[in-house]
C-alpha cells in the first residue's frame, strides 16, 4: 500500500481512509509486523487529521504486541481461569462465573512504556482483590504471578499492588468482549502501570511466597512499572 504524505491540517482523503479501514481489519486479523506498521501510520495521520476520521480506522491507535509472533486463541466456552498457589480455596472460573460476580469498570489512558498512548479506555471485569479474597490467600504469600495461555508470557505484582481497586481481571473492552488481539477473552488490567504489566490471554493467577519478575523484567524492564511523569502522569503511590 502506498500513500501520499499528509500535510499539516490536511484531512484524510476518502479513498485513503477507506483503504486504511480495509488494511486495518487485515492487520488485526494477521497481527505481527503489519499491525505494528499500520499503528505507526495511524499515529502520523492522527496528528494531521482535523476530521477525526483516523480514530475510526481499525486498531484505533493501538499497537498489538505478542512475544510468540502470533495471537493465541481459545473459545469462550472452553476458557477457564485458574487461581491457585498459596491459597486455601483454589478457583477455576469460566467466563460465566466471572460475569456473575460483582462488576467494576475503570476508564484510564492506556500507556505503553515505549511512549504511545490510547486515551480514556474503558475496561470492566472483576477486581483482582475480590477474587483473591474469595480464594483465601495464605499468610505466607507476598506476591501474585500471572500466566498467559500463550505458554510464554508471565507478569507479577506484590500483594499490595494486586489488591488495589484499579487492578482488574477484565473480560470487557469498551462495551463488548475483550478481543483476541487485545488479550481476550480475559486479561489483566493494571490501570496505574505501563501496559506490559497487564498480562494478556490470562490463564492462571498464582499466589507465590516471593516476588518473581515477569517476561519483560528479564530484559531490564522495571518491576514496579508505574506510569511516570515523563508520560504525563505519575501513578506511583506517594
C-alpha atoms as a PDB file:
ATOM      1  CA  UNK A   1       0.000   0.000   0.000  1.00  0.00           C
ATOM      2  CA  UNK A   2       1.344   3.429  -0.904  1.00  0.00           C
ATOM      3  CA  UNK A   3       0.205   6.743   0.494  1.00  0.00           C
ATOM      4  CA  UNK A   4       0.833  10.379  -0.188  1.00  0.00           C
ATOM      5  CA  UNK A   5       2.472  12.294   2.583  1.00  0.00           C
ATOM      6  CA  UNK A   6      -0.094  14.313   4.556  1.00  0.00           C
ATOM      7  CA  UNK A   7       0.463  17.992   5.168  1.00  0.00           C
ATOM      8  CA  UNK A   8      -0.410  19.635   8.496  1.00  0.00           C
ATOM      9  CA  UNK A   9      -4.130  20.379   8.698  1.00  0.00           C
ATOM     10  CA  UNK A  10      -4.991  18.398   5.555  1.00  0.00           C
ATOM     11  CA  UNK A  11      -7.918  15.981   6.083  1.00  0.00           C
ATOM     12  CA  UNK A  12      -7.596  12.343   5.144  1.00  0.00           C
ATOM     13  CA  UNK A  13      -8.954  11.676   1.678  1.00  0.00           C
ATOM     14  CA  UNK A  14     -11.930   9.326   1.361  1.00  0.00           C
ATOM     15  CA  UNK A  15     -10.001   6.759  -0.683  1.00  0.00           C
ATOM     16  CA  UNK A  16      -7.086   6.783   1.745  1.00  0.00           C
ATOM     17  CA  UNK A  17      -9.430   6.423   4.701  1.00  0.00           C
ATOM     18  CA  UNK A  18     -11.356   3.513   3.164  1.00  0.00           C
ATOM     19  CA  UNK A  19      -8.103   1.837   2.203  1.00  0.00           C
ATOM     20  CA  UNK A  20      -6.824   2.112   5.744  1.00  0.00           C
ATOM     21  CA  UNK A  21     -10.068   0.690   7.126  1.00  0.00           C
ATOM     22  CA  UNK A  22      -9.568  -2.386   4.951  1.00  0.00           C
ATOM     23  CA  UNK A  23      -5.883  -2.602   5.824  1.00  0.00           C
ATOM     24  CA  UNK A  24      -6.643  -2.180   9.488  1.00  0.00           C
ATOM     25  CA  UNK A  25      -9.076  -5.070   9.511  1.00  0.00           C
ATOM     26  CA  UNK A  26      -6.491  -7.238   7.780  1.00  0.00           C
ATOM     27  CA  UNK A  27      -3.763  -6.188  10.172  1.00  0.00           C
ATOM     28  CA  UNK A  28      -5.866  -7.067  13.199  1.00  0.00           C
ATOM     29  CA  UNK A  29      -6.538 -10.492  11.722  1.00  0.00           C
ATOM     30  CA  UNK A  30      -2.931 -11.140  10.762  1.00  0.00           C
ATOM     31  CA  UNK A  31      -1.077  -9.334  13.557  1.00  0.00           C
ATOM     32  CA  UNK A  32       2.700  -9.056  13.693  1.00  0.00           C
ATOM     33  CA  UNK A  33       4.659  -6.531  11.615  1.00  0.00           C
ATOM     34  CA  UNK A  34       1.678  -5.417   9.505  1.00  0.00           C
ATOM     35  CA  UNK A  35      -0.280  -4.409  12.590  1.00  0.00           C
ATOM     36  CA  UNK A  36       2.654  -2.517  14.085  1.00  0.00           C
ATOM     37  CA  UNK A  37       3.342  -0.714  10.815  1.00  0.00           C
ATOM     38  CA  UNK A  38      -0.286   0.317  10.468  1.00  0.00           C
ATOM     39  CA  UNK A  39      -0.307   1.675  14.013  1.00  0.00           C
ATOM     40  CA  UNK A  40       2.617   3.951  13.155  1.00  0.00           C
ATOM     41  CA  UNK A  41       0.743   5.194  10.080  1.00  0.00           C
ATOM     42  CA  UNK A  42      -2.358   5.827  12.201  1.00  0.00           C
ATOM     43  CA  UNK A  43      -0.354   7.896  14.639  1.00  0.00           C
ATOM     44  CA  UNK A  44       1.064  10.039  11.843  1.00  0.00           C
ATOM     45  CA  UNK A  45      -2.394  10.529  10.322  1.00  0.00           C
ATOM     46  CA  UNK A  46      -3.996  11.443  13.636  1.00  0.00           C
ATOM     47  CA  UNK A  47      -1.510  14.276  14.066  1.00  0.00           C
ATOM     48  CA  UNK A  48      -2.629  15.799  10.731  1.00  0.00           C
ATOM     49  CA  UNK A  49      -6.331  14.907  10.752  1.00  0.00           C
ATOM     50  CA  UNK A  50      -8.742  17.594  11.983  1.00  0.00           C
ATOM     51  CA  UNK A  51     -11.716  15.469  10.845  1.00  0.00           C
ATOM     52  CA  UNK A  52     -11.106  12.799  13.484  1.00  0.00           C
ATOM     53  CA  UNK A  53     -11.702  10.057  10.901  1.00  0.00           C
ATOM     54  CA  UNK A  54      -8.362   8.436  11.690  1.00  0.00           C
ATOM     55  CA  UNK A  55      -9.735   7.343  15.057  1.00  0.00           C
ATOM     56  CA  UNK A  56     -12.237   5.112  13.227  1.00  0.00           C
ATOM     57  CA  UNK A  57      -9.576   3.029  11.487  1.00  0.00           C
ATOM     58  CA  UNK A  58      -9.462  -0.497  12.987  1.00  0.00           C
ATOM     59  CA  UNK A  59      -6.766  -0.559  15.618  1.00  0.00           C
ATOM     60  CA  UNK A  60      -7.706   2.879  16.960  1.00  0.00           C
ATOM     61  CA  UNK A  61      -4.107   3.870  17.661  1.00  0.00           C
ATOM     62  CA  UNK A  62      -3.247   0.606  19.387  1.00  0.00           C
ATOM     63  CA  UNK A  63      -0.106  -1.351  18.672  1.00  0.00           C
ATOM     64  CA  UNK A  64      -0.554  -5.063  19.114  1.00  0.00           C
ATOM     65  CA  UNK A  65       2.300  -6.938  20.753  1.00  0.00           C
ATOM     66  CA  UNK A  66       2.852 -10.641  21.158  1.00  0.00           C
ATOM     67  CA  UNK A  67       6.009 -12.416  22.313  1.00  0.00           C
ATOM     68  CA  UNK A  68       5.152 -15.600  20.409  1.00  0.00           C
ATOM     69  CA  UNK A  69       4.831 -13.985  16.957  1.00  0.00           C
ATOM     70  CA  UNK A  70       1.129 -14.794  16.849  1.00  0.00           C
ATOM     71  CA  UNK A  71      -2.139 -14.231  18.684  1.00  0.00           C
ATOM     72  CA  UNK A  72      -3.206 -17.283  20.721  1.00  0.00           C
ATOM     73  CA  UNK A  73      -6.892 -18.101  20.913  1.00  0.00           C
ATOM     74  CA  UNK A  74      -9.337 -20.213  22.880  1.00  0.00           C
ATOM     75  CA  UNK A  75     -13.091 -20.473  22.530  1.00  0.00           C
ATOM     76  CA  UNK A  76     -15.153 -18.560  25.043  1.00  0.00           C
ATOM     77  CA  UNK A  77     -16.989 -21.751  26.040  1.00  0.00           C
ATOM     78  CA  UNK A  78     -13.759 -23.591  26.846  1.00  0.00           C
ATOM     79  CA  UNK A  79     -11.985 -20.742  28.608  1.00  0.00           C
ATOM     80  CA  UNK A  80     -11.069 -21.307  32.258  1.00  0.00           C
ATOM     81  CA  UNK A  81      -9.142 -19.104  34.675  1.00  0.00           C
ATOM     82  CA  UNK A  82      -7.267 -20.941  37.422  1.00  0.00           C
ATOM     83  CA  UNK A  83      -6.416 -19.258  40.722  1.00  0.00           C
ATOM     84  CA  UNK A  84      -4.073 -21.293  42.886  1.00  0.00           C
ATOM     85  CA  UNK A  85      -0.730 -21.492  44.622  1.00  0.00           C
ATOM     86  CA  UNK A  86      -0.727 -20.322  48.228  1.00  0.00           C
ATOM     87  CA  UNK A  87      -4.495 -20.221  48.678  1.00  0.00           C
ATOM     88  CA  UNK A  88      -6.895 -22.218  50.841  1.00  0.00           C
ATOM     89  CA  UNK A  89      -9.677 -22.200  48.238  1.00  0.00           C
ATOM     90  CA  UNK A  90      -8.382 -22.708  44.670  1.00  0.00           C
ATOM     91  CA  UNK A  91     -10.749 -21.454  41.977  1.00  0.00           C
ATOM     92  CA  UNK A  92     -11.450 -22.467  38.406  1.00  0.00           C
ATOM     93  CA  UNK A  93     -13.668 -19.890  36.714  1.00  0.00           C
ATOM     94  CA  UNK A  94     -15.449 -19.808  33.374  1.00  0.00           C
ATOM     95  CA  UNK A  95     -16.485 -16.600  31.645  1.00  0.00           C
ATOM     96  CA  UNK A  96     -19.995 -17.073  33.018  1.00  0.00           C
ATOM     97  CA  UNK A  97     -18.536 -17.370  36.512  1.00  0.00           C
ATOM     98  CA  UNK A  98     -16.746 -14.049  36.107  1.00  0.00           C
ATOM     99  CA  UNK A  99     -19.821 -12.283  34.735  1.00  0.00           C
ATOM    100  CA  UNK A 100     -21.878 -13.362  37.744  1.00  0.00           C
ATOM    101  CA  UNK A 101     -19.509 -11.717  40.213  1.00  0.00           C
ATOM    102  CA  UNK A 102     -19.682  -8.034  41.259  1.00  0.00           C
ATOM    103  CA  UNK A 103     -18.513  -5.854  38.381  1.00  0.00           C
ATOM    104  CA  UNK A 104     -16.081  -2.944  38.328  1.00  0.00           C
ATOM    105  CA  UNK A 105     -15.142  -0.619  35.463  1.00  0.00           C
ATOM    106  CA  UNK A 106     -12.145   1.662  35.067  1.00  0.00           C
ATOM    107  CA  UNK A 107     -11.593   4.347  32.427  1.00  0.00           C
ATOM    108  CA  UNK A 108      -7.976   5.323  32.059  1.00  0.00           C
ATOM    109  CA  UNK A 109      -5.419   6.182  29.391  1.00  0.00           C
ATOM    110  CA  UNK A 110      -3.625   3.024  28.309  1.00  0.00           C
ATOM    111  CA  UNK A 111       0.073   3.894  28.342  1.00  0.00           C
ATOM    112  CA  UNK A 112       2.801   1.820  26.717  1.00  0.00           C
ATOM    113  CA  UNK A 113       6.300   2.068  28.147  1.00  0.00           C
ATOM    114  CA  UNK A 114       7.546   2.793  24.606  1.00  0.00           C
ATOM    115  CA  UNK A 115       5.626   6.084  24.620  1.00  0.00           C
ATOM    116  CA  UNK A 116       2.345   5.620  22.741  1.00  0.00           C
ATOM    117  CA  UNK A 117      -0.967   6.127  24.499  1.00  0.00           C
ATOM    118  CA  UNK A 118      -4.658   5.466  23.856  1.00  0.00           C
ATOM    119  CA  UNK A 119      -6.823   7.857  25.905  1.00  0.00           C
ATOM    120  CA  UNK A 120      -9.884   7.073  28.003  1.00  0.00           C
ATOM    121  CA  UNK A 121     -10.059   3.319  27.512  1.00  0.00           C
ATOM    122  CA  UNK A 122     -12.885   1.580  29.353  1.00  0.00           C
ATOM    123  CA  UNK A 123     -12.285  -1.869  30.803  1.00  0.00           C
ATOM    124  CA  UNK A 124     -14.661  -3.847  33.001  1.00  0.00           C
ATOM    125  CA  UNK A 125     -14.453  -7.067  34.929  1.00  0.00           C
ATOM    126  CA  UNK A 126     -13.840  -8.285  38.460  1.00  0.00           C
ATOM    127  CA  UNK A 127     -11.344  -6.730  40.817  1.00  0.00           C
ATOM    128  CA  UNK A 128      -8.410  -8.975  41.465  1.00  0.00           C
ATOM    129  CA  UNK A 129      -8.736  -8.115  45.154  1.00  0.00           C
ATOM    130  CA  UNK A 130     -12.200  -9.685  45.336  1.00  0.00           C
ATOM    131  CA  UNK A 131     -11.041 -12.891  43.650  1.00  0.00           C
ATOM    132  CA  UNK A 132      -8.060 -13.165  45.988  1.00  0.00           C
ATOM    133  CA  UNK A 133     -10.354 -12.687  48.970  1.00  0.00           C
ATOM    134  CA  UNK A 134     -12.557 -15.485  47.645  1.00  0.00           C
ATOM    135  CA  UNK A 135      -9.523 -17.744  47.237  1.00  0.00           C
ATOM    136  CA  UNK A 136      -8.369 -17.082  50.840  1.00  0.00           C
ATOM    137  CA  UNK A 137      -4.737 -16.142  50.354  1.00  0.00           C
ATOM    138  CA  UNK A 138      -2.299 -17.886  52.702  1.00  0.00           C
ATOM    139  CA  UNK A 139      -0.373 -15.558  55.053  1.00  0.00           C
ATOM    140  CA  UNK A 140       2.927 -16.736  53.548  1.00  0.00           C
ATOM    141  CA  UNK A 141       2.061 -15.254  50.135  1.00  0.00           C
ATOM    142  CA  UNK A 142       3.574 -11.853  49.348  1.00  0.00           C
ATOM    143  CA  UNK A 143       3.139 -11.687  45.554  1.00  0.00           C
ATOM    144  CA  UNK A 144       0.897 -12.674  42.663  1.00  0.00           C
ATOM    145  CA  UNK A 145       2.079 -14.181  39.387  1.00  0.00           C
ATOM    146  CA  UNK A 146       0.062 -14.084  36.151  1.00  0.00           C
ATOM    147  CA  UNK A 147       0.485 -16.613  33.369  1.00  0.00           C
ATOM    148  CA  UNK A 148      -0.687 -16.369  29.775  1.00  0.00           C
ATOM    149  CA  UNK A 149      -2.106 -19.228  27.747  1.00  0.00           C
ATOM    150  CA  UNK A 150       0.415 -18.301  25.047  1.00  0.00           C
ATOM    151  CA  UNK A 151       2.712 -20.516  27.142  1.00  0.00           C
ATOM    152  CA  UNK A 152       5.455 -17.896  27.461  1.00  0.00           C
ATOM    153  CA  UNK A 153       4.338 -14.605  28.991  1.00  0.00           C
ATOM    154  CA  UNK A 154       4.283 -14.020  32.732  1.00  0.00           C
ATOM    155  CA  UNK A 155       3.948 -10.969  34.950  1.00  0.00           C
ATOM    156  CA  UNK A 156       3.762 -10.309  38.681  1.00  0.00           C
ATOM    157  CA  UNK A 157       2.725  -7.813  41.323  1.00  0.00           C
ATOM    158  CA  UNK A 158       3.237  -7.515  45.027  1.00  0.00           C
ATOM    159  CA  UNK A 159       0.167  -8.462  47.035  1.00  0.00           C
ATOM    160  CA  UNK A 160      -0.295  -4.806  47.997  1.00  0.00           C
ATOM    161  CA  UNK A 161      -0.260  -3.754  44.326  1.00  0.00           C
ATOM    162  CA  UNK A 162      -2.565  -6.599  43.320  1.00  0.00           C
ATOM    163  CA  UNK A 163      -5.275  -5.597  45.774  1.00  0.00           C
ATOM    164  CA  UNK A 164      -5.653  -2.023  44.506  1.00  0.00           C
ATOM    165  CA  UNK A 165      -9.202  -1.201  43.318  1.00  0.00           C
ATOM    166  CA  UNK A 166      -7.926  -0.309  39.826  1.00  0.00           C
ATOM    167  CA  UNK A 167      -6.449  -3.754  39.130  1.00  0.00           C
ATOM    168  CA  UNK A 168      -8.953  -5.878  37.213  1.00  0.00           C
ATOM    169  CA  UNK A 169      -9.406  -9.300  35.743  1.00  0.00           C
ATOM    170  CA  UNK A 170     -11.028  -7.821  32.641  1.00  0.00           C
ATOM    171  CA  UNK A 171     -13.442  -9.502  30.251  1.00  0.00           C
ATOM    172  CA  UNK A 172     -14.902  -6.318  28.722  1.00  0.00           C
ATOM    173  CA  UNK A 173     -13.267  -3.753  26.431  1.00  0.00           C
ATOM    174  CA  UNK A 174     -15.418  -0.710  25.756  1.00  0.00           C
ATOM    175  CA  UNK A 175     -18.889  -2.187  25.689  1.00  0.00           C
ATOM    176  CA  UNK A 176     -18.051  -5.626  24.309  1.00  0.00           C
ATOM    177  CA  UNK A 177     -15.872  -8.659  24.964  1.00  0.00           C
ATOM    178  CA  UNK A 178     -12.090  -8.263  25.076  1.00  0.00           C
ATOM    179  CA  UNK A 179     -10.990  -9.140  21.516  1.00  0.00           C
ATOM    180  CA  UNK A 180      -8.311 -11.690  20.803  1.00  0.00           C
ATOM    181  CA  UNK A 181      -5.789  -9.061  19.692  1.00  0.00           C
ATOM    182  CA  UNK A 182      -6.281  -7.215  22.977  1.00  0.00           C
ATOM    183  CA  UNK A 183      -5.588 -10.343  25.015  1.00  0.00           C
ATOM    184  CA  UNK A 184      -9.087 -11.792  25.256  1.00  0.00           C
ATOM    185  CA  UNK A 185     -11.183 -13.425  26.283  1.00  0.00           C
ATOM    186  CA  UNK A 186      -9.719 -12.396  29.668  1.00  0.00           C
ATOM    187  CA  UNK A 187      -6.685 -10.275  30.506  1.00  0.00           C
ATOM    188  CA  UNK A 188      -5.254  -8.348  33.414  1.00  0.00           C
ATOM    189  CA  UNK A 189      -5.644  -4.589  33.585  1.00  0.00           C
ATOM    190  CA  UNK A 190      -3.227  -2.925  35.969  1.00  0.00           C
ATOM    191  CA  UNK A 191      -4.507   0.584  35.294  1.00  0.00           C
ATOM    192  CA  UNK A 192      -1.797   2.667  37.025  1.00  0.00           C
ATOM    193  CA  UNK A 193       1.093   0.781  35.397  1.00  0.00           C
ATOM    194  CA  UNK A 194       2.526   0.516  31.886  1.00  0.00           C
ATOM    195  CA  UNK A 195       0.844  -1.903  29.542  1.00  0.00           C
ATOM    196  CA  UNK A 196       3.405  -4.700  29.859  1.00  0.00           C
ATOM    197  CA  UNK A 197       2.209  -5.284  33.436  1.00  0.00           C
ATOM    198  CA  UNK A 198      -1.309  -6.129  32.197  1.00  0.00           C
ATOM    199  CA  UNK A 199      -0.888  -9.771  31.205  1.00  0.00           C
ATOM    200  CA  UNK A 200      -2.846 -10.688  28.078  1.00  0.00           C
ATOM    201  CA  UNK A 201      -4.515 -14.050  27.357  1.00  0.00           C
ATOM    202  CA  UNK A 202      -4.730 -14.694  31.082  1.00  0.00           C
ATOM    203  CA  UNK A 203      -4.902 -18.348  32.073  1.00  0.00           C
ATOM    204  CA  UNK A 204      -3.609 -18.570  35.641  1.00  0.00           C
ATOM    205  CA  UNK A 205      -3.157 -16.457  38.747  1.00  0.00           C
ATOM    206  CA  UNK A 206      -0.791 -17.908  41.330  1.00  0.00           C
ATOM    207  CA  UNK A 207      -0.061 -16.705  44.827  1.00  0.00           C
ATOM    208  CA  UNK A 208       3.655 -17.070  45.489  1.00  0.00           C
ATOM    209  CA  UNK A 209       5.929 -16.591  48.532  1.00  0.00           C
ATOM    210  CA  UNK A 210       8.288 -14.067  46.902  1.00  0.00           C
ATOM    211  CA  UNK A 211       8.026 -11.597  44.036  1.00  0.00           C
ATOM    212  CA  UNK A 212       9.262 -13.040  40.760  1.00  0.00           C
ATOM    213  CA  UNK A 213       9.988 -10.920  37.698  1.00  0.00           C
ATOM    214  CA  UNK A 214       7.956 -11.476  34.577  1.00  0.00           C
ATOM    215  CA  UNK A 215       8.825 -11.833  30.912  1.00  0.00           C
ATOM    216  CA  UNK A 216       9.997  -8.262  30.316  1.00  0.00           C
ATOM    217  CA  UNK A 217      11.736  -7.834  33.638  1.00  0.00           C
ATOM    218  CA  UNK A 218      14.344 -10.336  32.467  1.00  0.00           C
ATOM    219  CA  UNK A 219      15.203  -7.807  29.739  1.00  0.00           C
ATOM    220  CA  UNK A 220      15.579  -4.912  32.159  1.00  0.00           C
ATOM    221  CA  UNK A 221      12.046  -3.528  32.438  1.00  0.00           C
ATOM    222  CA  UNK A 222      11.097  -2.166  35.866  1.00  0.00           C
ATOM    223  CA  UNK A 223       9.310  -4.480  38.255  1.00  0.00           C
ATOM    224  CA  UNK A 224       7.329  -1.519  39.591  1.00  0.00           C
ATOM    225  CA  UNK A 225       6.029  -0.256  36.269  1.00  0.00           C
ATOM    226  CA  UNK A 226       4.134   2.831  37.424  1.00  0.00           C
ATOM    227  CA  UNK A 227       3.313   5.306  34.664  1.00  0.00           C
ATOM    228  CA  UNK A 228       5.704   8.194  35.270  1.00  0.00           C
ATOM    229  CA  UNK A 229       5.850  11.946  34.885  1.00  0.00           C
ATOM    230  CA  UNK A 230       7.665  11.661  31.570  1.00  0.00           C
ATOM    231  CA  UNK A 231       4.421  10.227  30.132  1.00  0.00           C
ATOM    232  CA  UNK A 232       2.185  12.934  31.543  1.00  0.00           C
ATOM    233  CA  UNK A 233       1.129  11.043  34.658  1.00  0.00           C
ATOM    234  CA  UNK A 234       2.614   9.952  37.931  1.00  0.00           C
ATOM    235  CA  UNK A 235       0.732   6.938  39.214  1.00  0.00           C
ATOM    236  CA  UNK A 236       3.349   5.783  41.711  1.00  0.00           C
ATOM    237  CA  UNK A 237       1.870   5.783  45.215  1.00  0.00           C
ATOM    238  CA  UNK A 238       3.135   8.527  47.500  1.00  0.00           C
END
